[in-house]
Amino acid sequence: MKQFYRTYFSFVVIALCVFFSVQTSNAQQRTFGLGVIIGEPTGISAKLWTSNNNAFAFGLGWSYGGDRFGRWYDGYYDGGSRVHFHIDYLWHAWNAIHSTERFPLYYGVGGCINTGAGYNSPAAVRGVIGIAWMPRETPIDIFLEVAPSLELTPSTGFAIDAAIGARYFF
């Protein structure tokens, strides 16, 4: 259990250091957004713009059950809920959809940690692809994303997260 807390604490400290050390640009008038994400996981979502096309996205939530990593071994899994934390680095393609509104497609890479429900503090690498709607006159974004992930520790497995969410930019 100590190893879990040490790993989780290290991941959170690194994420916070990156979050507070990034210099923002004039890409977005409001560079930090906070909101909700519903799906896999369900919880809170944050986004920090770092340039005209790049941002960090964070998620902290819970999942309701089911072995999302489809384990290839006879390990212990109790089917209960679990906590999920992820951080992704995103690139945005602003001209992929031609419209009077802003609908950037985005893609990126990151990592996640899942705990509880028999998970022994697994760390995973994840990719993400999504689309956002960013109204011009309102400081919000509404997004839909899919994120396949590959669990690296303590064993290997594959999962796909999918969610919809909204954030308000301060």
N, C-alpha and C. Protein backbone atom coordinates (compact mmCIF):
# COMPACT_ATOMS: atom_id res chain seq x y z
N MET A 1 0.82 -1.19 0.00
CA MET A 1 0.00 0.00 0.00
C MET A 1 0.87 1.26 0.00
N LYS A 2 2.02 1.19 0.69
CA LYS A 2 2.92 2.34 0.69
C LYS A 2 3.38 2.68 -0.71
N GLN A 3 3.65 1.64 -1.51
CA GLN A 3 4.10 1.86 -2.88
C GLN A 3 3.04 2.61 -3.68
N PHE A 4 1.78 2.25 -3.48
CA PHE A 4 0.68 2.93 -4.17
C PHE A 4 0.69 4.41 -3.84
N TYR A 5 0.74 4.75 -2.56
CA TYR A 5 0.69 6.16 -2.17
C TYR A 5 1.92 6.91 -2.66
N ARG A 6 3.07 6.29 -2.64
CA ARG A 6 4.29 6.91 -3.13
C ARG A 6 4.18 7.19 -4.63
N THR A 7 3.69 6.22 -5.39
CA THR A 7 3.53 6.40 -6.84
C THR A 7 2.49 7.47 -7.14
N TYR A 8 1.35 7.40 -6.47
CA TYR A 8 0.27 8.37 -6.69
C TYR A 8 0.73 9.77 -6.32
N PHE A 9 1.39 9.92 -5.18
CA PHE A 9 1.88 11.21 -4.73
C PHE A 9 2.89 11.78 -5.73
N SER A 10 3.80 10.94 -6.21
CA SER A 10 4.81 11.40 -7.19
C SER A 10 4.14 11.88 -8.47
N PHE A 11 3.16 11.16 -8.94
CA PHE A 11 2.45 11.55 -10.17
C PHE A 11 1.75 12.89 -9.99
N VAL A 12 1.09 13.09 -8.86
CA VAL A 12 0.39 14.34 -8.59
C VAL A 12 1.38 15.50 -8.47
N VAL A 13 2.51 15.29 -7.79
CA VAL A 13 3.51 16.35 -7.64
C VAL A 13 4.07 16.75 -9.00
N ILE A 14 4.39 15.78 -9.84
CA ILE A 14 4.90 16.09 -11.18
C ILE A 14 3.86 16.87 -11.99
N ALA A 15 2.61 16.45 -11.93
CA ALA A 15 1.55 17.15 -12.66
C ALA A 15 1.41 18.58 -12.18
N LEU A 16 1.45 18.79 -10.88
CA LEU A 16 1.33 20.15 -10.35
C LEU A 16 2.53 21.01 -10.73
N CYS A 17 3.73 20.45 -10.72
CA CYS A 17 4.93 21.20 -11.13
C CYS A 17 4.82 21.64 -12.58
N VAL A 18 4.38 20.72 -13.44
CA VAL A 18 4.20 21.08 -14.86
C VAL A 18 3.13 22.15 -14.98
N PHE A 19 2.03 21.98 -14.27
CA PHE A 19 0.91 22.92 -14.33
C PHE A 19 1.35 24.34 -13.96
N PHE A 20 2.11 24.50 -12.89
CA PHE A 20 2.49 25.82 -12.43
C PHE A 20 3.71 26.41 -13.12
N SER A 21 4.47 25.59 -13.87
CA SER A 21 5.67 26.10 -14.52
C SER A 21 5.45 26.49 -15.97
N VAL A 22 4.32 26.16 -16.53
CA VAL A 22 4.07 26.44 -17.94
C VAL A 22 3.79 27.93 -18.13
N GLN A 23 4.42 28.51 -19.14
CA GLN A 23 4.16 29.90 -19.47
C GLN A 23 3.04 29.93 -20.50
N THR A 24 2.07 30.76 -20.26
CA THR A 24 0.93 30.84 -21.17
C THR A 24 1.21 31.84 -22.27
N SER A 25 0.43 31.73 -23.31
CA SER A 25 0.57 32.65 -24.44
C SER A 25 -0.76 33.35 -24.68
N ASN A 26 -0.83 34.09 -25.74
CA ASN A 26 -2.04 34.82 -26.08
C ASN A 26 -2.99 33.99 -26.92
N ALA A 27 -2.79 32.69 -26.99
CA ALA A 27 -3.62 31.83 -27.83
C ALA A 27 -5.08 31.92 -27.42
N GLN A 28 -5.33 31.83 -26.17
CA GLN A 28 -6.68 31.91 -25.63
C GLN A 28 -6.71 33.08 -24.66
N GLN A 29 -7.77 33.84 -24.69
CA GLN A 29 -7.85 34.97 -23.77
C GLN A 29 -7.85 34.49 -22.32
N ARG A 30 -8.45 33.36 -22.09
CA ARG A 30 -8.47 32.75 -20.76
C ARG A 30 -7.79 31.40 -20.89
N THR A 31 -6.72 31.20 -20.17
CA THR A 31 -5.88 30.03 -20.42
C THR A 31 -6.19 28.80 -19.56
N PHE A 32 -6.95 28.95 -18.48
CA PHE A 32 -7.23 27.82 -17.60
C PHE A 32 -8.72 27.56 -17.54
N GLY A 33 -9.10 26.30 -17.81
CA GLY A 33 -10.50 25.91 -17.75
C GLY A 33 -10.71 24.77 -16.78
N LEU A 34 -11.85 24.78 -16.12
CA LEU A 34 -12.21 23.76 -15.14
C LEU A 34 -13.66 23.36 -15.37
N GLY A 35 -13.93 22.05 -15.33
CA GLY A 35 -15.29 21.60 -15.57
C GLY A 35 -15.49 20.15 -15.19
N VAL A 36 -16.42 19.51 -15.90
CA VAL A 36 -16.78 18.13 -15.61
C VAL A 36 -16.52 17.26 -16.83
N ILE A 37 -16.31 15.99 -16.55
CA ILE A 37 -16.17 14.98 -17.59
C ILE A 37 -17.08 13.82 -17.20
N ILE A 38 -17.85 13.31 -18.16
CA ILE A 38 -18.81 12.24 -17.90
C ILE A 38 -18.51 11.09 -18.84
N GLY A 39 -18.43 9.92 -18.29
CA GLY A 39 -18.14 8.73 -19.09
C GLY A 39 -17.15 7.86 -18.34
N GLU A 40 -16.07 7.56 -18.99
CA GLU A 40 -15.00 6.75 -18.39
C GLU A 40 -13.73 7.56 -18.44
N PRO A 41 -13.37 8.31 -17.42
CA PRO A 41 -13.95 8.40 -16.08
C PRO A 41 -15.04 9.48 -15.99
N THR A 42 -15.68 9.56 -14.84
CA THR A 42 -16.61 10.63 -14.51
C THR A 42 -16.02 11.42 -13.35
N GLY A 43 -15.92 12.74 -13.50
CA GLY A 43 -15.31 13.55 -12.44
C GLY A 43 -15.05 14.96 -12.90
N ILE A 44 -13.88 15.49 -12.54
CA ILE A 44 -13.53 16.86 -12.91
C ILE A 44 -12.48 16.84 -14.02
N SER A 45 -12.52 17.89 -14.81
CA SER A 45 -11.59 18.04 -15.93
C SER A 45 -11.00 19.44 -15.90
N ALA A 46 -9.74 19.55 -16.26
CA ALA A 46 -9.08 20.86 -16.33
C ALA A 46 -8.25 20.92 -17.61
N LYS A 47 -8.05 22.14 -18.11
CA LYS A 47 -7.24 22.34 -19.31
C LYS A 47 -6.44 23.61 -19.14
N LEU A 48 -5.17 23.53 -19.51
CA LEU A 48 -4.28 24.67 -19.42
C LEU A 48 -3.62 24.87 -20.78
N TRP A 49 -3.94 25.99 -21.45
CA TRP A 49 -3.33 26.31 -22.73
C TRP A 49 -1.91 26.78 -22.51
N THR A 50 -0.98 26.26 -23.34
CA THR A 50 0.42 26.64 -23.25
C THR A 50 0.89 27.42 -24.48
N SER A 51 0.15 27.34 -25.59
CA SER A 51 0.47 28.07 -26.82
C SER A 51 -0.80 28.15 -27.66
N ASN A 52 -0.67 28.65 -28.88
CA ASN A 52 -1.84 28.75 -29.76
C ASN A 52 -2.46 27.39 -30.07
N ASN A 53 -1.64 26.35 -30.11
CA ASN A 53 -2.13 25.04 -30.54
C ASN A 53 -2.00 23.94 -29.50
N ASN A 54 -1.36 24.21 -28.38
CA ASN A 54 -1.07 23.15 -27.42
C ASN A 54 -1.66 23.43 -26.05
N ALA A 55 -1.97 22.35 -25.34
CA ALA A 55 -2.54 22.47 -24.00
C ALA A 55 -2.28 21.19 -23.22
N PHE A 56 -2.32 21.30 -21.90
CA PHE A 56 -2.34 20.15 -21.01
C PHE A 56 -3.79 19.94 -20.59
N ALA A 57 -4.22 18.68 -20.58
CA ALA A 57 -5.56 18.34 -20.10
C ALA A 57 -5.40 17.37 -18.93
N PHE A 58 -6.19 17.58 -17.89
CA PHE A 58 -6.14 16.77 -16.68
C PHE A 58 -7.53 16.22 -16.39
N GLY A 59 -7.58 15.05 -15.80
CA GLY A 59 -8.85 14.48 -15.37
C GLY A 59 -8.67 13.73 -14.07
N LEU A 60 -9.60 13.91 -13.16
CA LEU A 60 -9.63 13.18 -11.90
C LEU A 60 -11.06 12.73 -11.70
N GLY A 61 -11.26 11.43 -11.65
CA GLY A 61 -12.63 10.93 -11.54
C GLY A 61 -12.68 9.53 -11.00
N TRP A 62 -13.83 8.93 -11.12
CA TRP A 62 -14.03 7.59 -10.65
C TRP A 62 -14.73 6.81 -11.74
N SER A 63 -14.56 5.50 -11.65
CA SER A 63 -15.16 4.58 -12.60
C SER A 63 -16.02 3.61 -11.81
N TYR A 64 -17.04 3.07 -12.44
CA TYR A 64 -18.06 2.33 -11.71
C TYR A 64 -17.88 0.82 -11.65
N GLY A 65 -16.98 0.25 -12.37
CA GLY A 65 -16.83 -1.20 -12.30
C GLY A 65 -16.52 -1.76 -13.67
N GLY A 66 -16.23 -3.03 -13.66
CA GLY A 66 -15.81 -3.67 -14.90
C GLY A 66 -14.31 -3.51 -15.07
N ASP A 67 -13.67 -4.58 -15.52
CA ASP A 67 -12.22 -4.56 -15.67
C ASP A 67 -11.88 -3.90 -17.00
N ARG A 68 -11.61 -2.59 -16.97
CA ARG A 68 -11.39 -1.83 -18.19
C ARG A 68 -10.11 -2.18 -18.90
N PHE A 69 -9.20 -2.91 -18.26
CA PHE A 69 -7.94 -3.27 -18.91
C PHE A 69 -7.96 -4.66 -19.52
N GLY A 70 -9.05 -5.42 -19.41
CA GLY A 70 -9.12 -6.73 -20.06
C GLY A 70 -7.88 -7.57 -19.79
N ARG A 71 -7.58 -7.76 -18.55
CA ARG A 71 -6.31 -8.39 -18.15
C ARG A 71 -6.13 -9.76 -18.80
N TRP A 72 -4.89 -10.05 -19.11
CA TRP A 72 -4.53 -11.31 -19.76
C TRP A 72 -4.05 -12.34 -18.77
N TYR A 73 -4.39 -12.21 -17.51
CA TYR A 73 -3.94 -13.15 -16.50
C TYR A 73 -5.09 -13.36 -15.51
N ASP A 74 -4.94 -14.32 -14.62
CA ASP A 74 -5.96 -14.61 -13.62
C ASP A 74 -5.69 -13.83 -12.35
N GLY A 75 -5.72 -12.53 -12.41
CA GLY A 75 -5.46 -11.68 -11.26
C GLY A 75 -6.74 -11.41 -10.49
N TYR A 76 -6.59 -10.77 -9.35
CA TYR A 76 -7.72 -10.44 -8.50
C TYR A 76 -8.37 -9.15 -8.98
N TYR A 77 -9.67 -9.16 -9.11
CA TYR A 77 -10.43 -7.97 -9.46
C TYR A 77 -11.78 -8.06 -8.78
N ASP A 78 -12.14 -7.08 -7.97
CA ASP A 78 -13.37 -7.20 -7.19
C ASP A 78 -14.59 -6.54 -7.82
N GLY A 79 -14.46 -5.93 -8.98
CA GLY A 79 -15.61 -5.36 -9.68
C GLY A 79 -16.12 -4.05 -9.10
N GLY A 80 -15.44 -3.48 -8.12
CA GLY A 80 -15.90 -2.25 -7.49
C GLY A 80 -15.45 -1.02 -8.24
N SER A 81 -15.71 0.12 -7.65
CA SER A 81 -15.34 1.38 -8.28
C SER A 81 -13.86 1.67 -8.05
N ARG A 82 -13.32 2.61 -8.85
CA ARG A 82 -11.91 2.94 -8.75
C ARG A 82 -11.71 4.42 -9.03
N VAL A 83 -10.56 4.95 -8.64
CA VAL A 83 -10.19 6.33 -8.89
C VAL A 83 -9.27 6.37 -10.11
N HIS A 84 -9.46 7.37 -10.95
CA HIS A 84 -8.70 7.52 -12.19
C HIS A 84 -8.12 8.93 -12.23
N PHE A 85 -6.81 9.05 -12.56
CA PHE A 85 -6.18 10.35 -12.78
C PHE A 85 -5.41 10.27 -14.09
N HIS A 86 -5.59 11.29 -14.95
CA HIS A 86 -4.81 11.32 -16.18
C HIS A 86 -4.33 12.74 -16.47
N ILE A 87 -3.24 12.80 -17.24
CA ILE A 87 -2.72 14.05 -17.74
C ILE A 87 -2.29 13.79 -19.19
N ASP A 88 -2.69 14.68 -20.09
CA ASP A 88 -2.38 14.54 -21.51
C ASP A 88 -1.81 15.84 -22.05
N TYR A 89 -0.93 15.73 -23.03
CA TYR A 89 -0.43 16.89 -23.76
C TYR A 89 -1.12 16.86 -25.12
N LEU A 90 -1.79 17.96 -25.48
CA LEU A 90 -2.64 17.98 -26.67
C LEU A 90 -2.14 18.94 -27.74
N TRP A 91 -2.36 18.55 -28.99
CA TRP A 91 -2.17 19.41 -30.16
C TRP A 91 -3.55 19.63 -30.77
N HIS A 92 -3.83 20.85 -31.23
CA HIS A 92 -5.13 21.20 -31.79
C HIS A 92 -5.00 21.54 -33.27
N ALA A 93 -5.89 20.99 -34.07
CA ALA A 93 -5.96 21.27 -35.50
C ALA A 93 -7.16 22.20 -35.73
N TRP A 94 -6.91 23.49 -35.79
CA TRP A 94 -7.97 24.49 -35.86
C TRP A 94 -8.68 24.53 -37.21
N ASN A 95 -8.00 24.15 -38.28
CA ASN A 95 -8.59 24.26 -39.62
C ASN A 95 -9.12 22.94 -40.16
N ALA A 96 -9.21 21.92 -39.35
CA ALA A 96 -9.68 20.62 -39.81
C ALA A 96 -11.16 20.66 -40.19
N ILE A 97 -11.94 21.45 -39.49
CA ILE A 97 -13.37 21.61 -39.79
C ILE A 97 -13.62 23.08 -40.10
N HIS A 98 -14.09 23.33 -41.31
CA HIS A 98 -14.34 24.71 -41.73
C HIS A 98 -15.76 25.11 -41.32
N SER A 99 -15.84 26.11 -40.45
CA SER A 99 -17.12 26.55 -39.90
C SER A 99 -16.96 27.97 -39.37
N THR A 100 -18.09 28.63 -39.17
CA THR A 100 -18.04 29.96 -38.55
C THR A 100 -17.75 29.83 -37.05
N GLU A 101 -18.04 28.68 -36.47
CA GLU A 101 -17.71 28.40 -35.07
C GLU A 101 -16.33 27.75 -35.02
N ARG A 102 -15.78 27.63 -33.82
CA ARG A 102 -14.48 26.98 -33.64
C ARG A 102 -14.71 25.54 -33.18
N PHE A 103 -14.31 24.58 -34.03
CA PHE A 103 -14.40 23.15 -33.74
C PHE A 103 -13.03 22.51 -33.96
N PRO A 104 -12.07 22.72 -33.07
CA PRO A 104 -10.76 22.10 -33.29
C PRO A 104 -10.80 20.59 -33.02
N LEU A 105 -10.16 19.85 -33.88
CA LEU A 105 -9.87 18.46 -33.58
C LEU A 105 -8.59 18.46 -32.76
N TYR A 106 -8.47 17.57 -31.82
CA TYR A 106 -7.25 17.51 -31.03
C TYR A 106 -6.81 16.07 -30.83
N TYR A 107 -5.52 15.92 -30.58
CA TYR A 107 -4.93 14.61 -30.36
C TYR A 107 -3.75 14.80 -29.41
N GLY A 108 -3.37 13.74 -28.75
CA GLY A 108 -2.26 13.88 -27.81
C GLY A 108 -1.85 12.57 -27.17
N VAL A 109 -0.89 12.69 -26.28
CA VAL A 109 -0.37 11.55 -25.52
C VAL A 109 -0.31 11.93 -24.05
N GLY A 110 -0.35 10.93 -23.21
CA GLY A 110 -0.28 11.20 -21.78
C GLY A 110 -0.17 9.93 -20.99
N GLY A 111 -0.55 10.02 -19.74
CA GLY A 111 -0.50 8.88 -18.85
C GLY A 111 -1.65 8.89 -17.88
N CYS A 112 -1.91 7.74 -17.27
CA CYS A 112 -2.98 7.66 -16.27
C CYS A 112 -2.63 6.64 -15.20
N ILE A 113 -3.29 6.80 -14.07
CA ILE A 113 -3.17 5.86 -12.95
C ILE A 113 -4.59 5.52 -12.50
N ASN A 114 -4.85 4.24 -12.27
CA ASN A 114 -6.12 3.77 -11.74
C ASN A 114 -5.86 3.07 -10.42
N THR A 115 -6.74 3.29 -9.45
CA THR A 115 -6.59 2.65 -8.14
C THR A 115 -7.93 2.12 -7.69
N GLY A 116 -7.90 1.17 -6.78
CA GLY A 116 -9.12 0.58 -6.24
C GLY A 116 -9.58 -0.58 -7.09
N ALA A 117 -10.61 -1.27 -6.64
CA ALA A 117 -11.25 -2.38 -7.35
C ALA A 117 -10.25 -3.48 -7.71
N GLY A 118 -9.26 -3.69 -6.87
CA GLY A 118 -8.29 -4.74 -7.14
C GLY A 118 -7.12 -4.29 -7.98
N TYR A 119 -7.13 -3.06 -8.48
CA TYR A 119 -5.99 -2.56 -9.23
C TYR A 119 -4.85 -2.26 -8.27
N ASN A 120 -3.67 -2.70 -8.62
CA ASN A 120 -2.50 -2.50 -7.78
C ASN A 120 -1.72 -1.30 -8.31
N SER A 121 -2.34 -0.13 -8.31
CA SER A 121 -1.70 1.11 -8.72
C SER A 121 -1.10 1.04 -10.12
N PRO A 122 -1.88 0.61 -11.12
CA PRO A 122 -1.32 0.51 -12.46
C PRO A 122 -1.09 1.87 -13.10
N ALA A 123 0.00 1.98 -13.81
CA ALA A 123 0.29 3.16 -14.61
C ALA A 123 0.13 2.76 -16.07
N ALA A 124 -0.43 3.66 -16.86
CA ALA A 124 -0.68 3.37 -18.27
C ALA A 124 -0.29 4.56 -19.13
N VAL A 125 0.09 4.27 -20.35
CA VAL A 125 0.32 5.30 -21.37
C VAL A 125 -0.96 5.37 -22.17
N ARG A 126 -1.40 6.59 -22.49
CA ARG A 126 -2.64 6.72 -23.25
C ARG A 126 -2.48 7.71 -24.38
N GLY A 127 -3.24 7.48 -25.40
CA GLY A 127 -3.37 8.42 -26.49
C GLY A 127 -4.75 9.02 -26.39
N VAL A 128 -4.98 10.14 -27.01
CA VAL A 128 -6.31 10.75 -26.96
C VAL A 128 -6.59 11.43 -28.29
N ILE A 129 -7.82 11.33 -28.74
CA ILE A 129 -8.28 12.04 -29.92
C ILE A 129 -9.68 12.55 -29.62
N GLY A 130 -9.95 13.78 -30.03
CA GLY A 130 -11.26 14.34 -29.71
C GLY A 130 -11.59 15.54 -30.56
N ILE A 131 -12.76 16.08 -30.29
CA ILE A 131 -13.23 17.29 -30.94
C ILE A 131 -13.83 18.19 -29.86
N ALA A 132 -13.62 19.48 -30.00
CA ALA A 132 -14.16 20.44 -29.04
C ALA A 132 -14.99 21.48 -29.78
N TRP A 133 -15.97 22.02 -29.11
CA TRP A 133 -16.71 23.17 -29.60
C TRP A 133 -16.38 24.31 -28.67
N MET A 134 -15.84 25.41 -29.23
CA MET A 134 -15.43 26.56 -28.43
C MET A 134 -16.15 27.79 -28.98
N PRO A 135 -17.34 28.11 -28.44
CA PRO A 135 -18.07 29.28 -28.94
C PRO A 135 -17.22 30.54 -28.82
N ARG A 136 -17.31 31.40 -29.82
CA ARG A 136 -16.46 32.59 -29.88
C ARG A 136 -16.75 33.60 -28.77
N GLU A 137 -17.96 33.74 -28.37
CA GLU A 137 -18.33 34.78 -27.40
C GLU A 137 -18.49 34.28 -25.98
N THR A 138 -18.23 33.00 -25.74
CA THR A 138 -18.45 32.41 -24.43
C THR A 138 -17.19 31.68 -23.98
N PRO A 139 -16.75 31.84 -22.73
CA PRO A 139 -15.51 31.20 -22.26
C PRO A 139 -15.70 29.74 -21.83
N ILE A 140 -16.27 28.93 -22.72
CA ILE A 140 -16.46 27.51 -22.41
C ILE A 140 -15.93 26.67 -23.57
N ASP A 141 -15.70 25.41 -23.30
CA ASP A 141 -15.53 24.43 -24.37
C ASP A 141 -16.31 23.18 -23.98
N ILE A 142 -16.87 22.55 -24.99
CA ILE A 142 -17.58 21.29 -24.84
C ILE A 142 -16.83 20.29 -25.70
N PHE A 143 -16.49 19.14 -25.14
CA PHE A 143 -15.63 18.22 -25.87
C PHE A 143 -16.12 16.78 -25.80
N LEU A 144 -15.70 16.01 -26.77
CA LEU A 144 -15.95 14.58 -26.86
C LEU A 144 -14.62 13.95 -27.22
N GLU A 145 -14.21 12.93 -26.46
CA GLU A 145 -12.90 12.33 -26.72
C GLU A 145 -12.90 10.83 -26.48
N VAL A 146 -11.95 10.17 -27.14
CA VAL A 146 -11.70 8.75 -26.98
C VAL A 146 -10.22 8.60 -26.68
N ALA A 147 -9.88 7.73 -25.72
CA ALA A 147 -8.49 7.59 -25.30
C ALA A 147 -8.13 6.12 -25.08
N PRO A 148 -7.48 5.49 -26.07
CA PRO A 148 -6.98 4.14 -25.83
C PRO A 148 -5.75 4.19 -24.92
N SER A 149 -5.60 3.19 -24.06
CA SER A 149 -4.46 3.18 -23.15
C SER A 149 -3.86 1.78 -23.04
N LEU A 150 -2.59 1.75 -22.74
CA LEU A 150 -1.84 0.52 -22.56
C LEU A 150 -1.27 0.52 -21.15
N GLU A 151 -1.76 -0.39 -20.32
CA GLU A 151 -1.25 -0.52 -18.95
C GLU A 151 0.15 -1.10 -18.99
N LEU A 152 1.05 -0.47 -18.24
CA LEU A 152 2.44 -0.91 -18.22
C LEU A 152 2.84 -1.62 -16.94
N THR A 153 2.24 -1.22 -15.81
CA THR A 153 2.57 -1.84 -14.53
C THR A 153 1.29 -2.15 -13.78
N PRO A 154 1.18 -3.12 -12.96
CA PRO A 154 2.14 -4.17 -12.71
C PRO A 154 2.10 -5.27 -13.79
N SER A 155 1.12 -5.23 -14.69
CA SER A 155 1.05 -6.16 -15.81
C SER A 155 0.57 -5.37 -17.02
N THR A 156 0.48 -6.01 -18.15
CA THR A 156 0.05 -5.30 -19.35
C THR A 156 -1.43 -5.57 -19.61
N GLY A 157 -2.06 -4.61 -20.26
CA GLY A 157 -3.46 -4.72 -20.64
C GLY A 157 -3.82 -3.54 -21.52
N PHE A 158 -4.96 -3.61 -22.16
CA PHE A 158 -5.40 -2.57 -23.08
C PHE A 158 -6.79 -2.10 -22.67
N ALA A 159 -7.05 -0.80 -22.79
CA ALA A 159 -8.37 -0.25 -22.45
C ALA A 159 -8.67 0.92 -23.37
N ILE A 160 -9.94 1.28 -23.42
CA ILE A 160 -10.36 2.48 -24.15
C ILE A 160 -11.29 3.27 -23.24
N ASP A 161 -10.94 4.52 -22.99
CA ASP A 161 -11.80 5.43 -22.25
C ASP A 161 -12.52 6.31 -23.27
N ALA A 162 -13.73 6.71 -22.95
CA ALA A 162 -14.48 7.63 -23.79
C ALA A 162 -15.31 8.53 -22.89
N ALA A 163 -15.37 9.82 -23.21
CA ALA A 163 -16.09 10.75 -22.34
C ALA A 163 -16.52 11.98 -23.10
N ILE A 164 -17.47 12.68 -22.51
CA ILE A 164 -17.92 13.97 -22.97
C ILE A 164 -17.78 14.91 -21.79
N GLY A 165 -17.50 16.17 -22.05
CA GLY A 165 -17.33 17.09 -20.93
C GLY A 165 -17.47 18.53 -21.34
N ALA A 166 -17.38 19.40 -20.35
CA ALA A 166 -17.47 20.84 -20.57
C ALA A 166 -16.60 21.53 -19.53
N ARG A 167 -15.98 22.64 -19.95
CA ARG A 167 -15.13 23.41 -19.04
C ARG A 167 -15.44 24.91 -19.19
N TYR A 168 -15.32 25.62 -18.10
CA TYR A 168 -15.42 27.06 -18.09
C TYR A 168 -14.01 27.61 -17.94
N PHE A 169 -13.65 28.62 -18.76
CA PHE A 169 -12.31 29.19 -18.72
C PHE A 169 -12.29 30.48 -17.93
N PHE A 170 -11.37 30.55 -16.98
CA PHE A 170 -11.22 31.69 -16.08
C PHE A 170 -10.20 32.67 -16.61
